[in-house]
């Protein structure tokens, strides 16, 4: 049986958007413990899940200097928006707006563009704007527990002050690592970790990935609520 169609107003309720209040959007920051872990791939996938399945307005902001999003402009489906004076230029594909090479100073104006979700591609941890990352409503940390990369995941916990509540809004993701290593690492740092499934096409999200992406967007009861609907 196919999943029931999710109406926009139901989605807004599930994710806690209050059009009568001051908080009308949510920000999700993604950083990788090592370069090349797949942060951009995950960010593009999450955006397309929001836009295609949840029917929400979503934007992807590139907050590192490697300028990877501009390469997407060669896609024939891309629409280049002609920015008005003072506006940030953007590209649109499959109802997702992409903003390459965003500076931190530009984020406040983008927050007021009417998006439901803004996904921030922070790049690798050693190049990320940590202050902006910590300001996000959801903070996704993506790494590997492979023996030759485990130390990089450890470095994340060492970088932040011990007084910081690393459970508040954080989601810890694993690319590779056996179950025993994952269990030991989770207990050592008092966290819960989620393995990232294979995402074949970030622009076409398979149905069996819906629950994974819904969990990335929200925690607790709201995640369970949308899981029932999906």
N, C-alpha and C. Protein backbone atom coordinates (compact mmCIF):
# COMPACT_ATOMS: atom_id res chain seq x y z
N UNK A 1 0.85 -1.19 0.00
CA UNK A 1 0.00 0.00 0.00
C UNK A 1 0.88 1.24 0.00
N UNK A 2 0.57 2.17 -0.85
CA UNK A 2 1.37 3.39 -0.93
C UNK A 2 1.09 4.28 0.25
N UNK A 3 2.08 5.10 0.61
CA UNK A 3 1.92 6.01 1.74
C UNK A 3 0.92 7.09 1.39
N UNK A 4 0.06 7.50 2.35
CA UNK A 4 -0.93 8.53 2.06
C UNK A 4 -0.27 9.85 1.75
N UNK A 5 -0.92 10.63 0.92
CA UNK A 5 -0.39 11.93 0.55
C UNK A 5 -0.34 12.85 1.77
N UNK A 6 0.76 13.48 1.95
CA UNK A 6 0.96 14.35 3.12
C UNK A 6 0.66 15.78 2.75
N UNK A 7 -0.41 16.32 3.32
CA UNK A 7 -0.78 17.70 3.02
C UNK A 7 0.18 18.67 3.69
N UNK A 8 0.38 19.82 3.02
CA UNK A 8 1.34 20.81 3.52
C UNK A 8 1.01 21.25 4.94
N UNK A 9 -0.28 21.50 5.24
CA UNK A 9 -0.61 21.99 6.57
C UNK A 9 -0.34 20.92 7.64
N UNK A 10 -0.45 19.63 7.26
CA UNK A 10 -0.13 18.57 8.20
C UNK A 10 1.37 18.54 8.47
N UNK A 11 2.17 18.76 7.43
CA UNK A 11 3.62 18.77 7.60
C UNK A 11 4.05 19.92 8.51
N UNK A 12 3.45 21.10 8.29
CA UNK A 12 3.81 22.25 9.10
C UNK A 12 3.50 22.00 10.56
N UNK A 13 2.39 21.29 10.83
CA UNK A 13 2.03 20.98 12.21
C UNK A 13 3.01 19.98 12.81
N UNK A 14 3.37 18.96 12.02
CA UNK A 14 4.27 17.92 12.51
C UNK A 14 5.62 18.50 12.91
N UNK A 15 6.14 19.39 12.09
CA UNK A 15 7.46 19.92 12.35
C UNK A 15 7.45 21.20 13.18
N UNK A 16 6.29 21.56 13.69
CA UNK A 16 6.25 22.63 14.66
C UNK A 16 6.31 24.03 14.09
N UNK A 17 5.98 24.22 12.82
CA UNK A 17 5.96 25.56 12.25
C UNK A 17 4.70 26.28 12.72
N UNK A 18 4.85 27.50 13.14
CA UNK A 18 3.72 28.30 13.61
C UNK A 18 3.68 29.57 12.80
N UNK A 19 2.76 29.62 11.83
CA UNK A 19 2.70 30.78 10.95
C UNK A 19 2.25 32.04 11.71
N UNK A 20 1.67 31.87 12.91
CA UNK A 20 1.26 33.03 13.70
C UNK A 20 2.35 33.46 14.67
N UNK A 21 3.40 32.67 14.75
CA UNK A 21 4.49 32.99 15.66
C UNK A 21 5.67 33.57 14.92
N UNK A 22 6.80 33.66 15.63
CA UNK A 22 7.99 34.27 15.03
C UNK A 22 8.88 33.24 14.35
N UNK A 23 8.75 31.96 14.71
CA UNK A 23 9.61 30.92 14.15
C UNK A 23 8.88 30.24 13.00
N UNK A 24 9.23 30.58 11.79
CA UNK A 24 8.54 30.02 10.63
C UNK A 24 9.45 29.14 9.80
N UNK A 25 10.64 28.87 10.30
CA UNK A 25 11.56 28.04 9.53
C UNK A 25 12.41 27.22 10.49
N UNK A 26 13.10 26.24 9.95
CA UNK A 26 14.04 25.45 10.72
C UNK A 26 15.33 25.35 9.93
N UNK A 27 16.45 25.34 10.64
CA UNK A 27 17.76 25.23 10.00
C UNK A 27 18.40 23.90 10.40
N UNK A 28 19.02 23.26 9.41
CA UNK A 28 19.70 21.99 9.63
C UNK A 28 21.13 22.14 9.12
N UNK A 29 22.10 22.07 10.02
CA UNK A 29 23.50 22.17 9.63
C UNK A 29 24.11 20.78 9.54
N UNK A 30 24.93 20.57 8.51
CA UNK A 30 25.59 19.27 8.33
C UNK A 30 27.09 19.51 8.19
N UNK A 31 27.87 18.85 9.02
CA UNK A 31 29.32 18.93 8.90
C UNK A 31 29.91 17.53 8.92
N UNK A 32 31.03 17.37 8.25
CA UNK A 32 31.70 16.07 8.18
C UNK A 32 32.96 16.06 9.02
N UNK A 33 33.24 14.94 9.64
CA UNK A 33 34.46 14.83 10.45
C UNK A 33 35.70 14.80 9.58
N UNK A 34 35.55 14.38 8.33
CA UNK A 34 36.66 14.35 7.37
C UNK A 34 36.18 14.86 6.02
N UNK A 35 37.07 15.47 5.23
CA UNK A 35 36.67 15.89 3.88
C UNK A 35 36.27 14.69 3.03
N UNK A 36 35.28 14.88 2.17
CA UNK A 36 34.88 13.83 1.26
C UNK A 36 34.00 12.75 1.86
N UNK A 37 33.50 12.97 3.07
CA UNK A 37 32.66 11.97 3.72
C UNK A 37 31.29 11.85 3.05
N UNK A 38 30.85 12.93 2.36
CA UNK A 38 29.56 12.90 1.68
C UNK A 38 28.56 13.90 2.20
N UNK A 39 29.04 15.00 2.78
CA UNK A 39 28.15 16.01 3.35
C UNK A 39 27.24 16.62 2.28
N UNK A 40 27.81 17.01 1.14
CA UNK A 40 27.00 17.64 0.09
C UNK A 40 25.98 16.66 -0.48
N UNK A 41 26.37 15.42 -0.67
CA UNK A 41 25.45 14.39 -1.17
C UNK A 41 24.27 14.23 -0.21
N UNK A 42 24.55 14.19 1.07
CA UNK A 42 23.49 14.06 2.07
C UNK A 42 22.62 15.31 2.10
N UNK A 43 23.24 16.49 2.00
CA UNK A 43 22.48 17.74 2.04
C UNK A 43 21.53 17.87 0.85
N UNK A 44 22.01 17.53 -0.34
CA UNK A 44 21.16 17.58 -1.54
C UNK A 44 20.01 16.58 -1.41
N UNK A 45 20.30 15.40 -0.89
CA UNK A 45 19.27 14.38 -0.70
C UNK A 45 18.20 14.86 0.27
N UNK A 46 18.62 15.45 1.37
CA UNK A 46 17.67 15.93 2.38
C UNK A 46 16.78 17.03 1.82
N UNK A 47 17.36 17.92 1.04
CA UNK A 47 16.58 18.99 0.41
C UNK A 47 15.52 18.42 -0.52
N UNK A 48 15.90 17.45 -1.31
CA UNK A 48 14.94 16.88 -2.26
C UNK A 48 13.86 16.07 -1.56
N UNK A 49 14.17 15.50 -0.42
CA UNK A 49 13.14 14.85 0.38
C UNK A 49 12.12 15.89 0.87
N UNK A 50 12.61 17.01 1.36
CA UNK A 50 11.72 18.08 1.84
C UNK A 50 10.83 18.60 0.71
N UNK A 51 11.43 18.82 -0.45
CA UNK A 51 10.69 19.44 -1.55
C UNK A 51 9.75 18.47 -2.25
N UNK A 52 10.21 17.25 -2.51
CA UNK A 52 9.40 16.32 -3.31
C UNK A 52 8.39 15.54 -2.48
N UNK A 53 8.78 15.11 -1.30
CA UNK A 53 7.88 14.29 -0.48
C UNK A 53 7.03 15.16 0.45
N UNK A 54 7.67 16.09 1.16
CA UNK A 54 6.95 16.88 2.15
C UNK A 54 6.32 18.14 1.58
N UNK A 55 6.67 18.46 0.32
CA UNK A 55 6.11 19.64 -0.36
C UNK A 55 6.40 20.93 0.40
N UNK A 56 7.59 21.02 0.95
CA UNK A 56 8.01 22.21 1.69
C UNK A 56 9.00 23.03 0.87
N UNK A 57 9.05 24.31 1.15
CA UNK A 57 10.05 25.18 0.51
C UNK A 57 11.39 24.96 1.19
N UNK A 58 12.40 24.64 0.40
CA UNK A 58 13.69 24.27 0.96
C UNK A 58 14.82 24.91 0.17
N UNK A 59 15.87 25.31 0.89
CA UNK A 59 17.05 25.88 0.25
C UNK A 59 18.29 25.22 0.81
N UNK A 60 19.29 25.06 -0.05
CA UNK A 60 20.58 24.53 0.36
C UNK A 60 21.61 25.64 0.29
N UNK A 61 22.25 25.91 1.41
CA UNK A 61 23.26 26.97 1.51
C UNK A 61 24.63 26.33 1.62
N UNK A 62 25.53 26.70 0.73
CA UNK A 62 26.89 26.17 0.74
C UNK A 62 27.78 27.13 1.55
N UNK A 63 28.25 26.65 2.71
CA UNK A 63 29.03 27.51 3.60
C UNK A 63 30.49 27.08 3.69
N UNK A 64 31.03 26.65 2.58
CA UNK A 64 32.47 26.38 2.53
C UNK A 64 32.99 26.91 1.21
N UNK A 65 34.32 26.92 1.07
CA UNK A 65 34.94 27.63 -0.06
C UNK A 65 35.19 26.77 -1.28
N UNK A 66 34.74 25.51 -1.28
CA UNK A 66 35.10 24.62 -2.40
C UNK A 66 34.20 24.78 -3.62
N UNK A 67 33.13 25.53 -3.48
CA UNK A 67 32.29 25.90 -4.63
C UNK A 67 31.84 24.68 -5.43
N UNK A 68 31.27 23.70 -4.75
CA UNK A 68 30.84 22.48 -5.42
C UNK A 68 29.46 22.63 -6.06
N UNK A 69 28.61 23.45 -5.48
CA UNK A 69 27.25 23.57 -6.00
C UNK A 69 27.20 24.19 -7.39
N UNK A 70 28.14 25.06 -7.70
CA UNK A 70 28.13 25.71 -9.01
C UNK A 70 28.25 24.70 -10.14
N UNK A 71 28.85 23.54 -9.86
CA UNK A 71 28.99 22.51 -10.88
C UNK A 71 27.64 21.95 -11.30
N UNK A 72 26.62 22.11 -10.45
CA UNK A 72 25.29 21.61 -10.78
C UNK A 72 24.63 22.40 -11.90
N UNK A 73 25.14 23.59 -12.17
CA UNK A 73 24.51 24.45 -13.18
C UNK A 73 24.54 23.84 -14.57
N UNK A 74 25.39 22.85 -14.78
CA UNK A 74 25.45 22.21 -16.09
C UNK A 74 24.25 21.29 -16.32
N UNK A 75 23.50 21.00 -15.26
CA UNK A 75 22.31 20.16 -15.40
C UNK A 75 21.27 20.91 -16.23
N UNK A 76 20.72 20.30 -17.27
CA UNK A 76 19.75 20.99 -18.13
C UNK A 76 18.47 21.38 -17.41
N UNK A 77 18.21 20.74 -16.25
CA UNK A 77 16.99 21.07 -15.52
C UNK A 77 17.13 22.27 -14.61
N UNK A 78 18.33 22.80 -14.50
CA UNK A 78 18.56 23.92 -13.60
C UNK A 78 17.98 25.21 -14.16
N UNK A 79 17.40 25.99 -13.27
CA UNK A 79 16.90 27.31 -13.64
C UNK A 79 17.67 28.34 -12.84
N UNK A 80 18.36 29.24 -13.52
CA UNK A 80 19.14 30.29 -12.86
C UNK A 80 18.23 31.49 -12.62
N UNK A 81 18.09 31.84 -11.36
CA UNK A 81 17.23 32.97 -10.99
C UNK A 81 17.99 34.27 -11.22
N UNK A 82 17.34 35.22 -11.85
CA UNK A 82 17.92 36.54 -12.01
C UNK A 82 17.65 37.35 -10.75
N UNK A 83 18.68 37.57 -9.96
CA UNK A 83 18.52 38.24 -8.68
C UNK A 83 18.25 39.73 -8.87
N UNK A 84 17.33 40.22 -8.06
CA UNK A 84 17.08 41.66 -8.05
C UNK A 84 18.22 42.35 -7.33
N UNK A 85 18.25 43.66 -7.43
CA UNK A 85 19.32 44.42 -6.78
C UNK A 85 19.37 44.09 -5.30
N UNK A 86 20.55 43.72 -4.84
CA UNK A 86 20.74 43.42 -3.43
C UNK A 86 20.36 42.01 -3.03
N UNK A 87 19.79 41.22 -3.93
CA UNK A 87 19.41 39.85 -3.61
C UNK A 87 20.54 38.88 -3.93
N UNK A 88 20.54 37.78 -3.21
CA UNK A 88 21.54 36.74 -3.42
C UNK A 88 21.16 35.88 -4.63
N UNK A 89 22.03 35.74 -5.64
CA UNK A 89 21.70 34.88 -6.78
C UNK A 89 21.57 33.43 -6.33
N UNK A 90 20.71 32.68 -7.02
CA UNK A 90 20.49 31.30 -6.65
C UNK A 90 20.16 30.49 -7.91
N UNK A 91 20.24 29.17 -7.77
CA UNK A 91 19.86 28.24 -8.82
C UNK A 91 18.76 27.34 -8.29
N UNK A 92 17.87 26.93 -9.16
CA UNK A 92 16.75 26.09 -8.74
C UNK A 92 16.70 24.82 -9.58
N UNK A 93 16.53 23.70 -8.91
CA UNK A 93 16.38 22.41 -9.58
C UNK A 93 15.43 21.56 -8.74
N UNK A 94 14.38 21.04 -9.39
CA UNK A 94 13.39 20.19 -8.71
C UNK A 94 12.83 20.88 -7.46
N UNK A 95 12.54 22.15 -7.59
CA UNK A 95 11.89 22.94 -6.54
C UNK A 95 12.78 23.21 -5.34
N UNK A 96 14.06 22.95 -5.44
CA UNK A 96 15.02 23.28 -4.38
C UNK A 96 15.88 24.44 -4.84
N UNK A 97 16.04 25.46 -4.00
CA UNK A 97 16.92 26.58 -4.32
C UNK A 97 18.31 26.31 -3.76
N UNK A 98 19.33 26.56 -4.60
CA UNK A 98 20.72 26.33 -4.21
C UNK A 98 21.46 27.67 -4.18
N UNK A 99 22.18 27.89 -3.09
CA UNK A 99 22.94 29.13 -2.93
C UNK A 99 24.42 28.77 -2.75
N UNK A 100 25.22 28.89 -3.81
CA UNK A 100 26.66 28.59 -3.69
C UNK A 100 27.40 29.69 -2.94
N UNK A 101 28.49 29.30 -2.28
CA UNK A 101 29.46 30.24 -1.68
C UNK A 101 28.77 31.30 -0.80
N UNK A 102 27.97 30.84 0.11
CA UNK A 102 27.27 31.76 1.02
C UNK A 102 28.21 32.19 2.14
N UNK A 103 28.20 33.47 2.43
CA UNK A 103 28.95 33.99 3.58
C UNK A 103 28.03 34.01 4.80
N UNK A 104 28.61 33.87 5.96
CA UNK A 104 27.80 33.86 7.19
C UNK A 104 26.97 35.12 7.33
N UNK A 105 27.51 36.24 6.87
CA UNK A 105 26.79 37.51 6.99
C UNK A 105 25.52 37.55 6.13
N UNK A 106 25.41 36.64 5.15
CA UNK A 106 24.24 36.61 4.27
C UNK A 106 23.11 35.75 4.81
N UNK A 107 23.39 34.95 5.81
CA UNK A 107 22.39 34.01 6.31
C UNK A 107 21.14 34.70 6.85
N UNK A 108 21.25 35.78 7.65
CA UNK A 108 20.02 36.40 8.18
C UNK A 108 19.01 36.79 7.11
N UNK A 109 19.47 37.32 5.99
CA UNK A 109 18.54 37.72 4.94
C UNK A 109 17.90 36.49 4.29
N UNK A 110 18.64 35.39 4.17
CA UNK A 110 18.09 34.17 3.58
C UNK A 110 17.07 33.52 4.51
N UNK A 111 17.21 33.72 5.80
CA UNK A 111 16.25 33.18 6.75
C UNK A 111 14.88 33.81 6.58
N UNK A 112 14.85 34.98 5.98
CA UNK A 112 13.59 35.71 5.82
C UNK A 112 13.00 35.58 4.41
N UNK A 113 13.44 34.56 3.67
CA UNK A 113 12.95 34.36 2.30
C UNK A 113 11.73 33.46 2.22
N UNK A 114 11.19 33.04 3.34
CA UNK A 114 9.97 32.23 3.32
C UNK A 114 10.20 30.73 3.19
N UNK A 115 11.42 30.28 3.44
CA UNK A 115 11.69 28.85 3.36
C UNK A 115 11.21 28.15 4.64
N UNK A 116 10.77 26.91 4.48
CA UNK A 116 10.42 26.10 5.63
C UNK A 116 11.68 25.47 6.24
N UNK A 117 12.57 25.00 5.37
CA UNK A 117 13.83 24.42 5.82
C UNK A 117 14.99 25.04 5.05
N UNK A 118 16.04 25.36 5.80
CA UNK A 118 17.31 25.77 5.20
C UNK A 118 18.35 24.76 5.64
N UNK A 119 18.93 24.07 4.67
CA UNK A 119 19.95 23.06 4.93
C UNK A 119 21.31 23.71 4.69
N UNK A 120 22.15 23.71 5.70
CA UNK A 120 23.46 24.36 5.63
C UNK A 120 24.56 23.31 5.44
N UNK A 121 25.17 23.33 4.27
CA UNK A 121 26.30 22.45 3.97
C UNK A 121 27.55 23.13 4.52
N UNK A 122 28.01 22.66 5.68
CA UNK A 122 29.13 23.30 6.36
C UNK A 122 30.48 22.77 5.90
N UNK A 123 30.48 21.70 5.10
CA UNK A 123 31.75 21.10 4.70
C UNK A 123 32.35 20.31 5.85
N UNK A 124 33.65 20.10 5.78
CA UNK A 124 34.36 19.35 6.83
C UNK A 124 34.49 20.20 8.09
N UNK A 125 34.62 19.54 9.22
CA UNK A 125 34.66 20.22 10.50
C UNK A 125 35.78 21.24 10.58
N UNK A 126 36.94 20.92 9.99
CA UNK A 126 38.07 21.84 10.09
C UNK A 126 37.92 23.10 9.24
N UNK A 127 36.87 23.16 8.39
CA UNK A 127 36.62 24.36 7.60
C UNK A 127 35.26 24.99 7.93
N UNK A 128 34.52 24.37 8.85
CA UNK A 128 33.16 24.81 9.15
C UNK A 128 33.17 26.05 10.03
N UNK A 129 32.15 26.88 9.84
CA UNK A 129 31.90 28.00 10.74
C UNK A 129 31.16 27.43 11.95
N UNK A 130 31.91 27.17 13.01
CA UNK A 130 31.36 26.47 14.16
C UNK A 130 30.22 27.25 14.80
N UNK A 131 30.33 28.57 14.85
CA UNK A 131 29.28 29.38 15.47
C UNK A 131 27.96 29.22 14.72
N UNK A 132 28.01 29.25 13.39
CA UNK A 132 26.79 29.06 12.60
C UNK A 132 26.24 27.65 12.77
N UNK A 133 27.13 26.69 12.83
CA UNK A 133 26.71 25.30 12.99
C UNK A 133 25.94 25.12 14.31
N UNK A 134 26.47 25.69 15.38
CA UNK A 134 25.84 25.54 16.69
C UNK A 134 24.52 26.30 16.78
N UNK A 135 24.32 27.29 15.92
CA UNK A 135 23.06 28.04 15.93
C UNK A 135 21.93 27.28 15.23
N UNK A 136 22.26 26.24 14.48
CA UNK A 136 21.23 25.51 13.74
C UNK A 136 20.29 24.78 14.70
N UNK A 137 19.04 24.63 14.27
CA UNK A 137 18.07 23.89 15.07
C UNK A 137 18.44 22.41 15.16
N UNK A 138 18.89 21.87 14.04
CA UNK A 138 19.37 20.49 14.01
C UNK A 138 20.80 20.50 13.52
N UNK A 139 21.66 19.74 14.19
CA UNK A 139 23.09 19.72 13.88
C UNK A 139 23.49 18.27 13.59
N UNK A 140 23.78 18.00 12.31
CA UNK A 140 24.13 16.64 11.90
C UNK A 140 25.65 16.52 11.79
N UNK A 141 26.21 15.58 12.53
CA UNK A 141 27.65 15.31 12.49
C UNK A 141 27.85 13.98 11.78
N UNK A 142 28.59 14.02 10.67
CA UNK A 142 28.71 12.86 9.78
C UNK A 142 30.17 12.41 9.74
N UNK A 143 30.40 11.16 10.12
CA UNK A 143 31.77 10.67 10.12
C UNK A 143 31.83 9.17 9.88
N UNK A 144 33.01 8.64 10.02
CA UNK A 144 33.25 7.23 9.81
C UNK A 144 33.91 6.64 11.05
N UNK A 145 33.56 5.39 11.36
CA UNK A 145 34.19 4.68 12.48
C UNK A 145 35.18 3.64 11.97
N UNK A 146 35.58 3.78 10.70
CA UNK A 146 36.65 2.93 10.19
C UNK A 146 37.91 3.20 11.01
N UNK A 147 38.72 2.18 11.27
CA UNK A 147 39.89 2.36 12.14
C UNK A 147 40.79 3.53 11.77
N UNK A 148 40.95 3.80 10.48
CA UNK A 148 41.85 4.87 10.04
C UNK A 148 41.17 6.25 10.06
N UNK A 149 39.86 6.28 10.38
CA UNK A 149 39.15 7.56 10.45
C UNK A 149 38.50 7.82 11.80
N UNK A 150 38.56 6.84 12.68
CA UNK A 150 37.91 6.95 13.98
C UNK A 150 38.43 8.15 14.77
N UNK A 151 39.70 8.41 14.65
CA UNK A 151 40.30 9.52 15.40
C UNK A 151 39.68 10.85 15.01
N UNK A 152 39.25 11.00 13.77
CA UNK A 152 38.62 12.25 13.32
C UNK A 152 37.27 12.46 13.99
N UNK A 153 36.53 11.39 14.21
CA UNK A 153 35.26 11.52 14.92
C UNK A 153 35.52 11.90 16.38
N UNK A 154 36.54 11.31 16.97
CA UNK A 154 36.93 11.65 18.34
C UNK A 154 37.25 13.14 18.45
N UNK A 155 37.89 13.68 17.40
CA UNK A 155 38.30 15.09 17.44
C UNK A 155 37.12 16.03 17.56
N UNK A 156 35.95 15.62 17.06
CA UNK A 156 34.76 16.47 17.18
C UNK A 156 34.44 16.72 18.65
N UNK A 157 34.45 15.68 19.46
CA UNK A 157 34.11 15.83 20.86
C UNK A 157 35.19 16.60 21.62
N UNK A 158 36.42 16.49 21.17
CA UNK A 158 37.50 17.21 21.83
C UNK A 158 37.49 18.70 21.50
N UNK A 159 36.91 19.06 20.35
CA UNK A 159 36.95 20.46 19.91
C UNK A 159 36.03 21.36 20.73
N UNK A 160 34.94 20.79 21.25
CA UNK A 160 33.95 21.59 21.94
C UNK A 160 34.12 21.53 23.44
N UNK A 161 33.72 22.60 24.06
CA UNK A 161 33.81 22.70 25.51
C UNK A 161 32.97 21.60 26.15
N UNK A 162 33.47 21.03 27.24
CA UNK A 162 32.77 19.93 27.90
C UNK A 162 31.44 20.38 28.50
N UNK A 163 31.27 21.66 28.69
CA UNK A 163 30.02 22.15 29.26
C UNK A 163 28.91 22.22 28.22
N UNK A 164 29.26 22.09 26.94
CA UNK A 164 28.26 22.14 25.89
C UNK A 164 27.44 20.86 25.89
N UNK A 165 26.12 21.02 25.82
CA UNK A 165 25.24 19.86 25.79
C UNK A 165 25.21 19.31 24.37
N UNK A 166 26.01 18.27 24.12
CA UNK A 166 26.14 17.74 22.77
C UNK A 166 24.93 16.91 22.34
N UNK A 167 23.97 16.75 23.23
CA UNK A 167 22.77 16.04 22.84
C UNK A 167 21.68 16.97 22.35
N UNK A 168 21.82 18.26 22.59
CA UNK A 168 20.78 19.23 22.27
C UNK A 168 20.76 19.53 20.77
N UNK A 169 19.83 18.91 20.06
CA UNK A 169 19.68 19.16 18.63
C UNK A 169 20.69 18.44 17.76
N UNK A 170 21.55 17.62 18.35
CA UNK A 170 22.58 16.93 17.57
C UNK A 170 22.09 15.57 17.09
N UNK A 171 22.58 15.19 15.92
CA UNK A 171 22.33 13.86 15.37
C UNK A 171 23.66 13.34 14.85
N UNK A 172 24.09 12.18 15.32
CA UNK A 172 25.41 11.66 14.98
C UNK A 172 25.26 10.54 13.94
N UNK A 173 25.88 10.74 12.79
CA UNK A 173 25.72 9.84 11.65
C UNK A 173 27.02 9.11 11.35
N UNK A 174 26.88 7.88 10.88
CA UNK A 174 28.04 7.03 10.60
C UNK A 174 27.98 6.55 9.16
N UNK A 175 29.10 6.70 8.46
CA UNK A 175 29.19 6.19 7.09
C UNK A 175 29.60 4.73 7.10
N UNK A 176 30.66 4.42 7.83
CA UNK A 176 31.16 3.05 7.91
C UNK A 176 31.56 2.74 9.35
N UNK A 177 31.56 1.45 9.67
CA UNK A 177 31.91 1.01 11.01
C UNK A 177 31.05 -0.16 11.40
N UNK A 178 31.64 -1.19 12.00
CA UNK A 178 30.85 -2.36 12.37
C UNK A 178 30.02 -2.07 13.61
N UNK A 179 29.05 -2.95 13.88
CA UNK A 179 28.11 -2.72 14.97
C UNK A 179 28.79 -2.67 16.33
N UNK A 180 29.81 -3.48 16.51
CA UNK A 180 30.51 -3.49 17.80
C UNK A 180 31.20 -2.16 18.05
N UNK A 181 31.90 -1.64 17.03
CA UNK A 181 32.58 -0.36 17.17
C UNK A 181 31.58 0.76 17.41
N UNK A 182 30.45 0.73 16.68
CA UNK A 182 29.41 1.75 16.85
C UNK A 182 28.86 1.73 18.26
N UNK A 183 28.62 0.54 18.79
CA UNK A 183 28.08 0.40 20.14
C UNK A 183 29.06 0.93 21.19
N UNK A 184 30.32 0.57 21.04
CA UNK A 184 31.33 1.03 21.99
C UNK A 184 31.51 2.54 21.94
N UNK A 185 31.56 3.09 20.73
CA UNK A 185 31.74 4.53 20.57
C UNK A 185 30.55 5.29 21.15
N UNK A 186 29.34 4.78 20.91
CA UNK A 186 28.14 5.43 21.43
C UNK A 186 28.13 5.46 22.95
N UNK A 187 28.49 4.34 23.57
CA UNK A 187 28.50 4.28 25.03
C UNK A 187 29.57 5.19 25.61
N UNK A 188 30.72 5.23 24.97
CA UNK A 188 31.82 6.05 25.47
C UNK A 188 31.45 7.53 25.51
N UNK A 189 30.70 7.99 24.49
CA UNK A 189 30.35 9.41 24.41
C UNK A 189 28.90 9.70 24.81
N UNK A 190 28.20 8.67 25.27
CA UNK A 190 26.82 8.83 25.77
C UNK A 190 25.92 9.45 24.70
N UNK A 191 25.99 8.89 23.52
CA UNK A 191 25.19 9.40 22.40
C UNK A 191 24.51 8.23 21.70
N UNK A 192 23.57 8.57 20.82
CA UNK A 192 22.98 7.59 19.92
C UNK A 192 23.46 7.90 18.51
N UNK A 193 23.75 6.86 17.75
CA UNK A 193 24.28 7.06 16.41
C UNK A 193 23.38 6.37 15.39
N UNK A 194 23.39 6.92 14.18
CA UNK A 194 22.55 6.40 13.09
C UNK A 194 23.43 6.14 11.87
N UNK A 195 23.36 4.93 11.34
CA UNK A 195 24.08 4.62 10.11
C UNK A 195 23.36 5.26 8.93
N UNK A 196 24.12 5.81 8.00
CA UNK A 196 23.54 6.43 6.81
C UNK A 196 23.39 5.37 5.73
N UNK A 197 22.18 5.13 5.26
CA UNK A 197 21.99 4.12 4.20
C UNK A 197 22.54 4.61 2.87
N UNK A 198 22.68 3.70 1.95
CA UNK A 198 23.14 4.08 0.61
C UNK A 198 22.06 4.91 -0.08
N UNK A 199 22.46 6.07 -0.59
CA UNK A 199 21.54 6.96 -1.31
C UNK A 199 21.99 6.99 -2.76
N UNK A 200 21.32 6.25 -3.57
CA UNK A 200 21.74 6.06 -4.96
C UNK A 200 21.65 7.36 -5.77
N UNK A 201 20.53 8.05 -5.65
CA UNK A 201 20.29 9.27 -6.42
C UNK A 201 19.77 10.36 -5.49
N UNK A 202 20.55 11.40 -5.21
CA UNK A 202 20.11 12.44 -4.27
C UNK A 202 18.94 13.28 -4.79
N UNK A 203 18.63 13.18 -6.08
CA UNK A 203 17.53 13.95 -6.65
C UNK A 203 16.23 13.13 -6.75
N UNK A 204 16.32 11.84 -6.49
CA UNK A 204 15.13 10.98 -6.53
C UNK A 204 15.19 10.06 -5.31
N UNK A 205 14.45 10.42 -4.28
CA UNK A 205 14.54 9.72 -3.00
C UNK A 205 13.61 8.51 -2.99
N UNK A 206 14.19 7.33 -2.79
CA UNK A 206 13.41 6.11 -2.75
C UNK A 206 12.54 6.06 -1.49
N UNK A 207 11.43 5.37 -1.60
CA UNK A 207 10.47 5.30 -0.50
C UNK A 207 11.09 4.71 0.77
N UNK A 208 12.01 3.75 0.61
CA UNK A 208 12.58 3.11 1.80
C UNK A 208 13.53 4.02 2.57
N UNK A 209 13.77 5.23 2.06
CA UNK A 209 14.61 6.21 2.76
C UNK A 209 13.80 7.27 3.49
N UNK A 210 12.48 7.27 3.33
CA UNK A 210 11.64 8.33 3.90
C UNK A 210 11.79 8.43 5.41
N UNK A 211 11.76 7.31 6.10
CA UNK A 211 11.83 7.34 7.56
C UNK A 211 13.20 7.83 8.04
N UNK A 212 14.25 7.46 7.32
CA UNK A 212 15.59 7.94 7.68
C UNK A 212 15.65 9.45 7.60
N UNK A 213 15.16 10.03 6.51
CA UNK A 213 15.24 11.48 6.36
C UNK A 213 14.30 12.21 7.32
N UNK A 214 13.15 11.63 7.62
CA UNK A 214 12.25 12.28 8.57
C UNK A 214 12.90 12.35 9.95
N UNK A 215 13.69 11.33 10.31
CA UNK A 215 14.38 11.33 11.59
C UNK A 215 15.47 12.40 11.65
N UNK A 216 16.07 12.72 10.51
CA UNK A 216 17.11 13.76 10.48
C UNK A 216 16.52 15.14 10.73
N UNK A 217 15.27 15.33 10.33
CA UNK A 217 14.66 16.65 10.43
C UNK A 217 14.12 16.96 11.81
N UNK A 218 13.74 15.96 12.55
CA UNK A 218 13.09 16.22 13.82
C UNK A 218 13.36 15.07 14.77
N UNK A 219 13.29 15.40 16.07
CA UNK A 219 13.57 14.40 17.09
C UNK A 219 12.33 14.14 17.93
N UNK A 220 12.40 13.09 18.72
CA UNK A 220 11.37 12.83 19.71
C UNK A 220 10.02 12.52 19.10
N UNK A 221 8.96 13.06 19.74
CA UNK A 221 7.59 12.73 19.35
C UNK A 221 7.29 13.15 17.92
N UNK A 222 7.85 14.30 17.47
CA UNK A 222 7.54 14.77 16.12
C UNK A 222 8.09 13.81 15.08
N UNK A 223 9.26 13.23 15.33
CA UNK A 223 9.82 12.26 14.40
C UNK A 223 8.94 11.01 14.36
N UNK A 224 8.44 10.59 15.52
CA UNK A 224 7.59 9.41 15.56
C UNK A 224 6.26 9.68 14.85
N UNK A 225 5.74 10.90 14.99
CA UNK A 225 4.48 11.25 14.34
C UNK A 225 4.59 11.16 12.83
N UNK A 226 5.65 11.74 12.27
CA UNK A 226 5.78 11.72 10.81
C UNK A 226 6.11 10.32 10.33
N UNK A 227 6.78 9.53 11.17
CA UNK A 227 7.06 8.15 10.78
C UNK A 227 5.76 7.37 10.58
N UNK A 228 4.76 7.64 11.41
CA UNK A 228 3.48 6.96 11.27
C UNK A 228 2.81 7.34 9.95
N UNK A 229 2.93 8.61 9.57
CA UNK A 229 2.29 9.08 8.34
C UNK A 229 3.00 8.54 7.10
N UNK A 230 4.34 8.54 7.14
CA UNK A 230 5.09 8.07 5.99
C UNK A 230 4.95 6.56 5.81
